[in-house]
Amino acid sequence: MPILVEYDSLIEGDLLDAESLNDRFSKVEKAVNDLHEDSTDRGCFNWHHLPTFSYGQLSPEGTPLSDTISQISACTYDTGVASTFVHSNFAVIDSNGSSGGGTELSITFPSSISLKSAAQGNPQAGGILVLMDVYVVRIGSYASSTWGADPHEENCVAFRIEVQEQPGGSWTALGRTERFIQEQNLSLGTTAAKEFRKQNINVPIRALVTQDDLTSTNTAISGVRGAISIKEHTGAHNVGVIIGHARLSALPLHSAVGTRVVNGVVQ
């Protein structure tokens, strides 16, 4: 329950001296500095009282600015058009799909954001929270505008988050963010025939990017992006992927993961 911060009001005729004032204010000081986790009512603090948790990327009202969000609409990938994103290779997700040259699913910060540790200097952010969602309509064998010509469960598509270290620098893949979806087929009766199926599934990827994700020589991030890769089974027809839409958000956070002491134990 919230505690009540009390103050002894002055009344006409009270003696004003250092002792009487210090006594009153020391009670208030103790009450304010000794707040517990359950000592405040829900909603008593808001953006009027506290700074935003996001470093320089939100308006005072908490509305994301344009440089924290990237999104694209429907696009199609076909391994027969371009091989830059096939198998172990990844390429940035593009609104023009495999043809490229469209709007990329990427965010470039107005200036690089430092993720230095406290020992290295004052960091601008404790980490960057990256949120990516890719809605996959379908993935499967694709030849001459025909879907399901050579269905196989080994046909799959992968997505991941990549970060750019320093402006114009190399892109570093976050391996822990890789997600895969394989082609889905439905066997028909006892025959070997298979029916190609749509996936219609959202692929959510979440990652908190910290200094540990960067190379030893870099301590800042200038951008993030979403990437795609496609794998074909041996001897397969071309593999196609239809993305309904994709969205990428990046929130640089003031806060950093730290420790606390509870009853003498570091947590």
C-alpha atoms as a PDB file:
ATOM      1  CA  MET A   1       0.000   0.000   0.000  1.00  0.00           C
ATOM      2  CA  PRO A   2       1.216   3.543  -0.653  1.00  0.00           C
ATOM      3  CA  ILE A   3       2.729   5.279   2.359  1.00  0.00           C
ATOM      4  CA  LEU A   4       1.602   8.735   3.389  1.00  0.00           C
ATOM      5  CA  VAL A   5       4.223  11.481   3.299  1.00  0.00           C
ATOM      6  CA  GLU A   6       3.274  13.827   6.127  1.00  0.00           C
ATOM      7  CA  TYR A   7       4.444  17.340   6.881  1.00  0.00           C
ATOM      8  CA  ASP A   8       3.793  19.239  10.105  1.00  0.00           C
ATOM      9  CA  SER A   9       2.159  22.451   8.933  1.00  0.00           C
ATOM     10  CA  LEU A  10       3.124  25.752  10.468  1.00  0.00           C
ATOM     11  CA  ILE A  11       0.511  27.673  12.414  1.00  0.00           C
ATOM     12  CA  GLU A  12       0.401  31.298  13.396  1.00  0.00           C
ATOM     13  CA  GLY A  13       2.814  32.000  16.253  1.00  0.00           C
ATOM     14  CA  ASP A  14       5.183  29.037  15.639  1.00  0.00           C
ATOM     15  CA  LEU A  15       8.816  29.796  16.294  1.00  0.00           C
ATOM     16  CA  LEU A  16      10.878  29.660  13.102  1.00  0.00           C
ATOM     17  CA  ASP A  17      14.411  28.531  13.768  1.00  0.00           C
ATOM     18  CA  ALA A  18      16.833  26.038  12.268  1.00  0.00           C
ATOM     19  CA  GLU A  19      15.858  23.230  14.615  1.00  0.00           C
ATOM     20  CA  SER A  20      12.125  23.465  13.977  1.00  0.00           C
ATOM     21  CA  LEU A  21      12.519  23.671  10.186  1.00  0.00           C
ATOM     22  CA  ASN A  22      15.136  20.922   9.984  1.00  0.00           C
ATOM     23  CA  ASP A  23      12.918  18.635  12.021  1.00  0.00           C
ATOM     24  CA  ARG A  24       9.981  19.114   9.667  1.00  0.00           C
ATOM     25  CA  PHE A  25      12.003  18.726   6.456  1.00  0.00           C
ATOM     26  CA  SER A  26      13.992  15.737   7.723  1.00  0.00           C
ATOM     27  CA  LYS A  27      10.711  13.829   8.123  1.00  0.00           C
ATOM     28  CA  VAL A  28       9.795  14.589   4.510  1.00  0.00           C
ATOM     29  CA  GLU A  29      13.304  13.719   3.314  1.00  0.00           C
ATOM     30  CA  LYS A  30      13.221  10.356   5.062  1.00  0.00           C
ATOM     31  CA  ALA A  31       9.763   9.518   3.707  1.00  0.00           C
ATOM     32  CA  VAL A  32      10.684  10.379   0.105  1.00  0.00           C
ATOM     33  CA  ASN A  33      14.075   8.640   0.119  1.00  0.00           C
ATOM     34  CA  ASP A  34      12.719   5.501   1.762  1.00  0.00           C
ATOM     35  CA  LEU A  35      10.085   4.593  -0.825  1.00  0.00           C
ATOM     36  CA  HIS A  36       9.538   0.881  -1.310  1.00  0.00           C
ATOM     37  CA  GLU A  37       8.384  -0.922  -4.449  1.00  0.00           C
ATOM     38  CA  ASP A  38       4.776  -0.841  -3.276  1.00  0.00           C
ATOM     39  CA  SER A  39       4.868   2.692  -1.910  1.00  0.00           C
ATOM     40  CA  THR A  40       3.415   4.447  -4.960  1.00  0.00           C
ATOM     41  CA  ASP A  41       0.012   4.303  -6.566  1.00  0.00           C
ATOM     42  CA  ARG A  42      -0.267   2.985 -10.117  1.00  0.00           C
ATOM     43  CA  GLY A  43       0.076   5.819 -12.633  1.00  0.00           C
ATOM     44  CA  CYS A  44       1.453   8.392 -10.190  1.00  0.00           C
ATOM     45  CA  PHE A  45       4.536   8.817 -12.403  1.00  0.00           C
ATOM     46  CA  ASN A  46       4.333   9.278 -16.178  1.00  0.00           C
ATOM     47  CA  TRP A  47       6.238  10.962 -18.996  1.00  0.00           C
ATOM     48  CA  HIS A  48       5.655  14.346 -17.361  1.00  0.00           C
ATOM     49  CA  HIS A  49       7.859  13.274 -14.427  1.00  0.00           C
ATOM     50  CA  LEU A  50      10.267  10.707 -15.859  1.00  0.00           C
ATOM     51  CA  PRO A  51      12.517  10.829 -18.947  1.00  0.00           C
ATOM     52  CA  THR A  52      11.792   8.435 -21.796  1.00  0.00           C
ATOM     53  CA  PHE A  53      13.455   5.033 -21.572  1.00  0.00           C
ATOM     54  CA  SER A  54      14.393   5.311 -25.237  1.00  0.00           C
ATOM     55  CA  TYR A  55      17.513   7.264 -26.111  1.00  0.00           C
ATOM     56  CA  GLY A  56      16.687  10.176 -28.405  1.00  0.00           C
ATOM     57  CA  GLN A  57      14.274   8.178 -30.557  1.00  0.00           C
ATOM     58  CA  LEU A  58      10.853   9.059 -29.115  1.00  0.00           C
ATOM     59  CA  SER A  59       8.932  12.281 -28.902  1.00  0.00           C
ATOM     60  CA  PRO A  60       7.980  13.533 -25.398  1.00  0.00           C
ATOM     61  CA  GLU A  61       4.565  11.963 -25.866  1.00  0.00           C
ATOM     62  CA  GLY A  62       6.164   8.594 -26.556  1.00  0.00           C
ATOM     63  CA  THR A  63       5.376   8.546 -30.292  1.00  0.00           C
ATOM     64  CA  PRO A  64       8.087   6.704 -32.299  1.00  0.00           C
ATOM     65  CA  LEU A  65       9.965   8.845 -34.784  1.00  0.00           C
ATOM     66  CA  SER A  66      10.433   7.751 -38.391  1.00  0.00           C
ATOM     67  CA  ASP A  67      14.022   6.588 -37.862  1.00  0.00           C
ATOM     68  CA  THR A  68      12.961   3.823 -35.456  1.00  0.00           C
ATOM     69  CA  ILE A  69      10.547   2.000 -37.755  1.00  0.00           C
ATOM     70  CA  SER A  70      10.856   0.347 -41.165  1.00  0.00           C
ATOM     71  CA  GLN A  71       8.119  -1.576 -42.935  1.00  0.00           C
ATOM     72  CA  ILE A  72       7.383  -3.005 -46.365  1.00  0.00           C
ATOM     73  CA  SER A  73       4.305  -4.481 -48.017  1.00  0.00           C
ATOM     74  CA  ALA A  74       3.903  -7.646 -50.095  1.00  0.00           C
ATOM     75  CA  CYS A  75       6.896  -8.930 -52.053  1.00  0.00           C
ATOM     76  CA  THR A  76       7.940 -12.184 -53.726  1.00  0.00           C
ATOM     77  CA  TYR A  77      11.281 -13.992 -53.734  1.00  0.00           C
ATOM     78  CA  ASP A  78      12.236 -16.468 -56.462  1.00  0.00           C
ATOM     79  CA  THR A  79      15.563 -18.312 -56.363  1.00  0.00           C
ATOM     80  CA  GLY A  80      15.489 -18.457 -60.135  1.00  0.00           C
ATOM     81  CA  VAL A  81      15.764 -14.645 -60.318  1.00  0.00           C
ATOM     82  CA  ALA A  82      18.654 -14.016 -57.955  1.00  0.00           C
ATOM     83  CA  SER A  83      20.953 -16.325 -56.005  1.00  0.00           C
ATOM     84  CA  THR A  84      22.423 -13.777 -53.601  1.00  0.00           C
ATOM     85  CA  PHE A  85      20.135 -14.968 -50.820  1.00  0.00           C
ATOM     86  CA  VAL A  86      20.178 -18.732 -51.544  1.00  0.00           C
ATOM     87  CA  HIS A  87      21.383 -21.419 -49.101  1.00  0.00           C
ATOM     88  CA  SER A  88      23.909 -20.050 -46.589  1.00  0.00           C
ATOM     89  CA  ASN A  89      23.771 -16.518 -48.021  1.00  0.00           C
ATOM     90  CA  PHE A  90      21.545 -13.831 -46.547  1.00  0.00           C
ATOM     91  CA  ALA A  91      20.351 -10.597 -48.160  1.00  0.00           C
ATOM     92  CA  VAL A  92      18.403  -7.668 -46.757  1.00  0.00           C
ATOM     93  CA  ILE A  93      14.630  -8.018 -47.135  1.00  0.00           C
ATOM     94  CA  ASP A  94      13.519  -5.768 -49.999  1.00  0.00           C
ATOM     95  CA  SER A  95      10.092  -4.524 -51.087  1.00  0.00           C
ATOM     96  CA  ASN A  96      10.958  -5.656 -54.647  1.00  0.00           C
ATOM     97  CA  GLY A  97      11.756  -9.162 -53.435  1.00  0.00           C
ATOM     98  CA  SER A  98      14.439 -11.057 -55.303  1.00  0.00           C
ATOM     99  CA  SER A  99      14.740  -8.280 -57.916  1.00  0.00           C
ATOM    100  CA  GLY A 100      16.027  -5.820 -55.288  1.00  0.00           C
ATOM    101  CA  GLY A 101      16.335  -2.081 -55.653  1.00  0.00           C
ATOM    102  CA  GLY A 102      13.228  -1.287 -53.615  1.00  0.00           C
ATOM    103  CA  THR A 103      12.677  -0.243 -50.000  1.00  0.00           C
ATOM    104  CA  GLU A 104      14.857  -2.218 -47.635  1.00  0.00           C
ATOM    105  CA  LEU A 105      13.704  -3.489 -44.263  1.00  0.00           C
ATOM    106  CA  SER A 106      16.383  -1.540 -42.443  1.00  0.00           C
ATOM    107  CA  ILE A 107      16.865   1.352 -40.037  1.00  0.00           C
ATOM    108  CA  THR A 108      19.743   3.824 -40.065  1.00  0.00           C
ATOM    109  CA  PHE A 109      20.088   5.909 -36.920  1.00  0.00           C
ATOM    110  CA  PRO A 110      20.690   9.679 -37.283  1.00  0.00           C
ATOM    111  CA  SER A 111      24.026   9.078 -35.578  1.00  0.00           C
ATOM    112  CA  SER A 112      25.798   6.004 -34.254  1.00  0.00           C
ATOM    113  CA  ILE A 113      24.649   4.894 -30.811  1.00  0.00           C
ATOM    114  CA  SER A 114      27.358   4.007 -28.323  1.00  0.00           C
ATOM    115  CA  LEU A 115      26.960   0.780 -26.364  1.00  0.00           C
ATOM    116  CA  LYS A 116      30.176   1.154 -24.368  1.00  0.00           C
ATOM    117  CA  SER A 117      30.393  -0.422 -20.969  1.00  0.00           C
ATOM    118  CA  ALA A 118      30.633   1.806 -17.918  1.00  0.00           C
ATOM    119  CA  ALA A 119      34.362   1.052 -17.737  1.00  0.00           C
ATOM    120  CA  GLN A 120      34.898   2.292 -21.299  1.00  0.00           C
ATOM    121  CA  GLY A 121      33.077   5.560 -20.858  1.00  0.00           C
ATOM    122  CA  ASN A 122      29.548   6.867 -20.723  1.00  0.00           C
ATOM    123  CA  PRO A 123      27.377   4.827 -23.100  1.00  0.00           C
ATOM    124  CA  GLN A 124      24.453   6.488 -24.837  1.00  0.00           C
ATOM    125  CA  ALA A 125      22.331   3.363 -24.461  1.00  0.00           C
ATOM    126  CA  GLY A 126      22.426   0.203 -22.412  1.00  0.00           C
ATOM    127  CA  GLY A 127      21.093  -1.778 -25.368  1.00  0.00           C
ATOM    128  CA  ILE A 128      18.902  -1.600 -28.460  1.00  0.00           C
ATOM    129  CA  LEU A 129      15.644  -3.542 -28.400  1.00  0.00           C
ATOM    130  CA  VAL A 130      14.951  -4.780 -31.951  1.00  0.00           C
ATOM    131  CA  LEU A 131      11.507  -6.096 -32.895  1.00  0.00           C
ATOM    132  CA  MET A 132      10.976  -7.754 -36.278  1.00  0.00           C
ATOM    133  CA  ASP A 133       7.859  -9.403 -37.689  1.00  0.00           C
ATOM    134  CA  VAL A 134       7.701 -11.076 -41.090  1.00  0.00           C
ATOM    135  CA  TYR A 135       4.359 -12.418 -42.306  1.00  0.00           C
ATOM    136  CA  VAL A 136       4.972 -15.374 -44.623  1.00  0.00           C
ATOM    137  CA  VAL A 137       2.093 -16.168 -46.974  1.00  0.00           C
ATOM    138  CA  ARG A 138       3.718 -19.165 -48.621  1.00  0.00           C
ATOM    139  CA  ILE A 139       7.000 -20.906 -49.365  1.00  0.00           C
ATOM    140  CA  GLY A 140       7.449 -23.739 -51.827  1.00  0.00           C
ATOM    141  CA  SER A 141       8.717 -24.989 -55.152  1.00  0.00           C
ATOM    142  CA  TYR A 142       8.008 -22.486 -57.869  1.00  0.00           C
ATOM    143  CA  ALA A 143       8.516 -22.847 -61.613  1.00  0.00           C
ATOM    144  CA  SER A 144       6.974 -21.054 -64.580  1.00  0.00           C
ATOM    145  CA  SER A 145       4.568 -19.192 -62.285  1.00  0.00           C
ATOM    146  CA  THR A 146       3.347 -22.527 -60.892  1.00  0.00           C
ATOM    147  CA  TRP A 147       3.443 -23.275 -57.180  1.00  0.00           C
ATOM    148  CA  GLY A 148       3.990 -26.776 -55.822  1.00  0.00           C
ATOM    149  CA  ALA A 149       5.606 -28.172 -58.975  1.00  0.00           C
ATOM    150  CA  ASP A 150       8.182 -30.093 -56.946  1.00  0.00           C
ATOM    151  CA  PRO A 151       7.146 -29.997 -53.271  1.00  0.00           C
ATOM    152  CA  HIS A 152       9.703 -31.002 -50.692  1.00  0.00           C
ATOM    153  CA  GLU A 153       9.960 -30.495 -46.922  1.00  0.00           C
ATOM    154  CA  GLU A 154      13.624 -29.470 -47.230  1.00  0.00           C
ATOM    155  CA  ASN A 155      12.647 -26.258 -49.005  1.00  0.00           C
ATOM    156  CA  CYS A 156      12.812 -23.601 -46.306  1.00  0.00           C
ATOM    157  CA  VAL A 157      13.262 -19.889 -45.688  1.00  0.00           C
ATOM    158  CA  ALA A 158      15.267 -18.263 -42.893  1.00  0.00           C
ATOM    159  CA  PHE A 159      15.116 -14.785 -41.386  1.00  0.00           C
ATOM    160  CA  ARG A 160      17.468 -13.012 -39.021  1.00  0.00           C
ATOM    161  CA  ILE A 161      18.449  -9.612 -37.606  1.00  0.00           C
ATOM    162  CA  GLU A 162      21.732  -7.954 -38.554  1.00  0.00           C
ATOM    163  CA  VAL A 163      23.403  -4.859 -37.063  1.00  0.00           C
ATOM    164  CA  GLN A 164      25.782  -2.378 -38.672  1.00  0.00           C
ATOM    165  CA  GLU A 165      28.810  -1.348 -36.664  1.00  0.00           C
ATOM    166  CA  GLN A 166      29.742   2.265 -37.380  1.00  0.00           C
ATOM    167  CA  PRO A 167      28.413   4.233 -40.412  1.00  0.00           C
ATOM    168  CA  GLY A 168      29.154   2.366 -43.622  1.00  0.00           C
ATOM    169  CA  GLY A 169      30.682  -0.498 -41.667  1.00  0.00           C
ATOM    170  CA  SER A 170      30.149  -4.219 -42.053  1.00  0.00           C
ATOM    171  CA  TRP A 171      26.932  -5.946 -41.042  1.00  0.00           C
ATOM    172  CA  THR A 172      27.105  -8.396 -38.160  1.00  0.00           C
ATOM    173  CA  ALA A 173      24.611 -11.270 -38.087  1.00  0.00           C
ATOM    174  CA  LEU A 174      22.918 -12.127 -34.809  1.00  0.00           C
ATOM    175  CA  GLY A 175      22.911 -15.887 -35.060  1.00  0.00           C
ATOM    176  CA  ARG A 176      20.556 -16.308 -32.119  1.00  0.00           C
ATOM    177  CA  THR A 177      17.831 -14.477 -34.049  1.00  0.00           C
ATOM    178  CA  GLU A 178      17.640 -16.904 -36.985  1.00  0.00           C
ATOM    179  CA  ARG A 179      14.187 -18.413 -37.534  1.00  0.00           C
ATOM    180  CA  PHE A 180      13.225 -21.034 -40.153  1.00  0.00           C
ATOM    181  CA  ILE A 181       9.998 -22.055 -41.874  1.00  0.00           C
ATOM    182  CA  GLN A 182       9.819 -25.070 -44.183  1.00  0.00           C
ATOM    183  CA  GLU A 183       7.491 -25.863 -47.050  1.00  0.00           C
ATOM    184  CA  GLN A 184       4.298 -27.557 -45.870  1.00  0.00           C
ATOM    185  CA  ASN A 185       2.643 -30.345 -47.833  1.00  0.00           C
ATOM    186  CA  LEU A 186      -0.370 -32.567 -47.280  1.00  0.00           C
ATOM    187  CA  SER A 187      -0.264 -36.199 -48.417  1.00  0.00           C
ATOM    188  CA  LEU A 188      -3.400 -37.237 -50.310  1.00  0.00           C
ATOM    189  CA  GLY A 189      -4.591 -40.690 -49.303  1.00  0.00           C
ATOM    190  CA  THR A 190      -2.195 -43.565 -49.975  1.00  0.00           C
ATOM    191  CA  THR A 191      -0.720 -42.028 -53.105  1.00  0.00           C
ATOM    192  CA  ALA A 192       2.577 -40.239 -53.314  1.00  0.00           C
ATOM    193  CA  ALA A 193       0.898 -37.077 -54.501  1.00  0.00           C
ATOM    194  CA  LYS A 194       1.150 -34.078 -52.228  1.00  0.00           C
ATOM    195  CA  GLU A 195      -0.864 -30.908 -52.039  1.00  0.00           C
ATOM    196  CA  PHE A 196       1.068 -27.670 -51.626  1.00  0.00           C
ATOM    197  CA  ARG A 197      -0.072 -25.673 -48.603  1.00  0.00           C
ATOM    198  CA  LYS A 198       0.047 -21.995 -47.743  1.00  0.00           C
ATOM    199  CA  GLN A 199       1.666 -21.099 -44.420  1.00  0.00           C
ATOM    200  CA  ASN A 200       0.054 -17.746 -43.535  1.00  0.00           C
ATOM    201  CA  ILE A 201       2.189 -17.424 -40.447  1.00  0.00           C
ATOM    202  CA  ASN A 202       3.892 -14.517 -38.711  1.00  0.00           C
ATOM    203  CA  VAL A 203       7.550 -14.917 -37.771  1.00  0.00           C
ATOM    204  CA  PRO A 204       8.298 -12.751 -34.715  1.00  0.00           C
ATOM    205  CA  ILE A 205      11.928 -12.082 -33.790  1.00  0.00           C
ATOM    206  CA  ARG A 206      12.967 -10.151 -30.696  1.00  0.00           C
ATOM    207  CA  ALA A 207      16.512  -9.274 -29.628  1.00  0.00           C
ATOM    208  CA  LEU A 208      18.217  -6.967 -27.163  1.00  0.00           C
ATOM    209  CA  VAL A 209      21.436  -5.887 -28.862  1.00  0.00           C
ATOM    210  CA  THR A 210      24.258  -5.127 -26.422  1.00  0.00           C
ATOM    211  CA  GLN A 211      27.980  -4.553 -26.643  1.00  0.00           C
ATOM    212  CA  ASP A 212      28.497  -8.318 -26.419  1.00  0.00           C
ATOM    213  CA  ASP A 213      27.052  -8.604 -29.933  1.00  0.00           C
ATOM    214  CA  LEU A 214      29.702  -6.299 -31.425  1.00  0.00           C
ATOM    215  CA  THR A 215      33.278  -7.010 -32.431  1.00  0.00           C
ATOM    216  CA  SER A 216      36.027  -6.108 -29.996  1.00  0.00           C
ATOM    217  CA  THR A 217      37.029  -3.013 -31.981  1.00  0.00           C
ATOM    218  CA  ASN A 218      33.574  -1.454 -32.201  1.00  0.00           C
ATOM    219  CA  THR A 219      31.363  -0.043 -29.474  1.00  0.00           C
ATOM    220  CA  ALA A 220      28.592   1.605 -31.490  1.00  0.00           C
ATOM    221  CA  ILE A 221      25.728   0.675 -33.797  1.00  0.00           C
ATOM    222  CA  SER A 222      24.618   2.792 -36.754  1.00  0.00           C
ATOM    223  CA  GLY A 223      21.776   0.624 -38.058  1.00  0.00           C
ATOM    224  CA  VAL A 224      19.798  -2.615 -37.991  1.00  0.00           C
ATOM    225  CA  ARG A 225      18.117  -4.634 -40.747  1.00  0.00           C
ATOM    226  CA  GLY A 226      16.149  -7.786 -41.449  1.00  0.00           C
ATOM    227  CA  ALA A 227      17.664 -10.420 -43.744  1.00  0.00           C
ATOM    228  CA  ILE A 228      16.369 -13.454 -45.673  1.00  0.00           C
ATOM    229  CA  SER A 229      17.877 -16.699 -46.955  1.00  0.00           C
ATOM    230  CA  ILE A 230      16.292 -19.573 -48.911  1.00  0.00           C
ATOM    231  CA  LYS A 231      17.339 -23.229 -49.069  1.00  0.00           C
ATOM    232  CA  GLU A 232      16.375 -25.644 -51.845  1.00  0.00           C
ATOM    233  CA  HIS A 233      16.485 -29.426 -51.608  1.00  0.00           C
ATOM    234  CA  THR A 234      18.878 -31.152 -53.982  1.00  0.00           C
ATOM    235  CA  GLY A 235      17.648 -31.113 -57.540  1.00  0.00           C
ATOM    236  CA  ALA A 236      14.673 -28.921 -56.701  1.00  0.00           C
ATOM    237  CA  HIS A 237      12.842 -26.526 -58.925  1.00  0.00           C
ATOM    238  CA  ASN A 238      13.179 -22.876 -58.024  1.00  0.00           C
ATOM    239  CA  VAL A 239      11.851 -22.014 -54.579  1.00  0.00           C
ATOM    240  CA  GLY A 240       9.532 -19.055 -54.088  1.00  0.00           C
ATOM    241  CA  VAL A 241       8.562 -17.123 -50.980  1.00  0.00           C
ATOM    242  CA  ILE A 242       5.722 -14.611 -50.677  1.00  0.00           C
ATOM    243  CA  ILE A 243       5.966 -12.126 -47.819  1.00  0.00           C
ATOM    244  CA  GLY A 244       2.679 -10.430 -46.975  1.00  0.00           C
ATOM    245  CA  HIS A 245       4.329  -7.645 -45.001  1.00  0.00           C
ATOM    246  CA  ALA A 246       7.313  -7.070 -42.743  1.00  0.00           C
ATOM    247  CA  ARG A 247       8.016  -4.595 -39.966  1.00  0.00           C
ATOM    248  CA  LEU A 248      11.172  -3.675 -38.089  1.00  0.00           C
ATOM    249  CA  SER A 249      11.447  -1.476 -34.998  1.00  0.00           C
ATOM    250  CA  ALA A 250      14.485  -0.458 -32.954  1.00  0.00           C
ATOM    251  CA  LEU A 251      14.348   1.194 -29.532  1.00  0.00           C
ATOM    252  CA  PRO A 252      17.675   2.300 -27.988  1.00  0.00           C
ATOM    253  CA  LEU A 253      17.243   1.962 -24.233  1.00  0.00           C
ATOM    254  CA  HIS A 254      18.785   4.087 -21.520  1.00  0.00           C
ATOM    255  CA  SER A 255      18.662   1.197 -19.090  1.00  0.00           C
ATOM    256  CA  ALA A 256      21.274  -1.529 -18.817  1.00  0.00           C
ATOM    257  CA  VAL A 257      21.162  -4.927 -17.158  1.00  0.00           C
ATOM    258  CA  GLY A 258      22.622  -4.558 -13.702  1.00  0.00           C
ATOM    259  CA  THR A 259      22.680  -6.214 -10.298  1.00  0.00           C
ATOM    260  CA  ARG A 260      20.957  -5.576  -7.024  1.00  0.00           C
ATOM    261  CA  VAL A 261      21.525  -6.675  -3.457  1.00  0.00           C
ATOM    262  CA  VAL A 262      18.633  -8.281  -1.601  1.00  0.00           C
ATOM    263  CA  ASN A 263      19.237  -9.316   1.987  1.00  0.00           C
ATOM    264  CA  GLY A 264      22.953  -9.254   1.376  1.00  0.00           C
ATOM    265  CA  VAL A 265      22.739 -11.437  -1.754  1.00  0.00           C
ATOM    266  CA  VAL A 266      23.735 -10.098  -5.186  1.00  0.00           C
ATOM    267  CA  GLN A 267      21.081 -10.918  -7.784  1.00  0.00           C
END
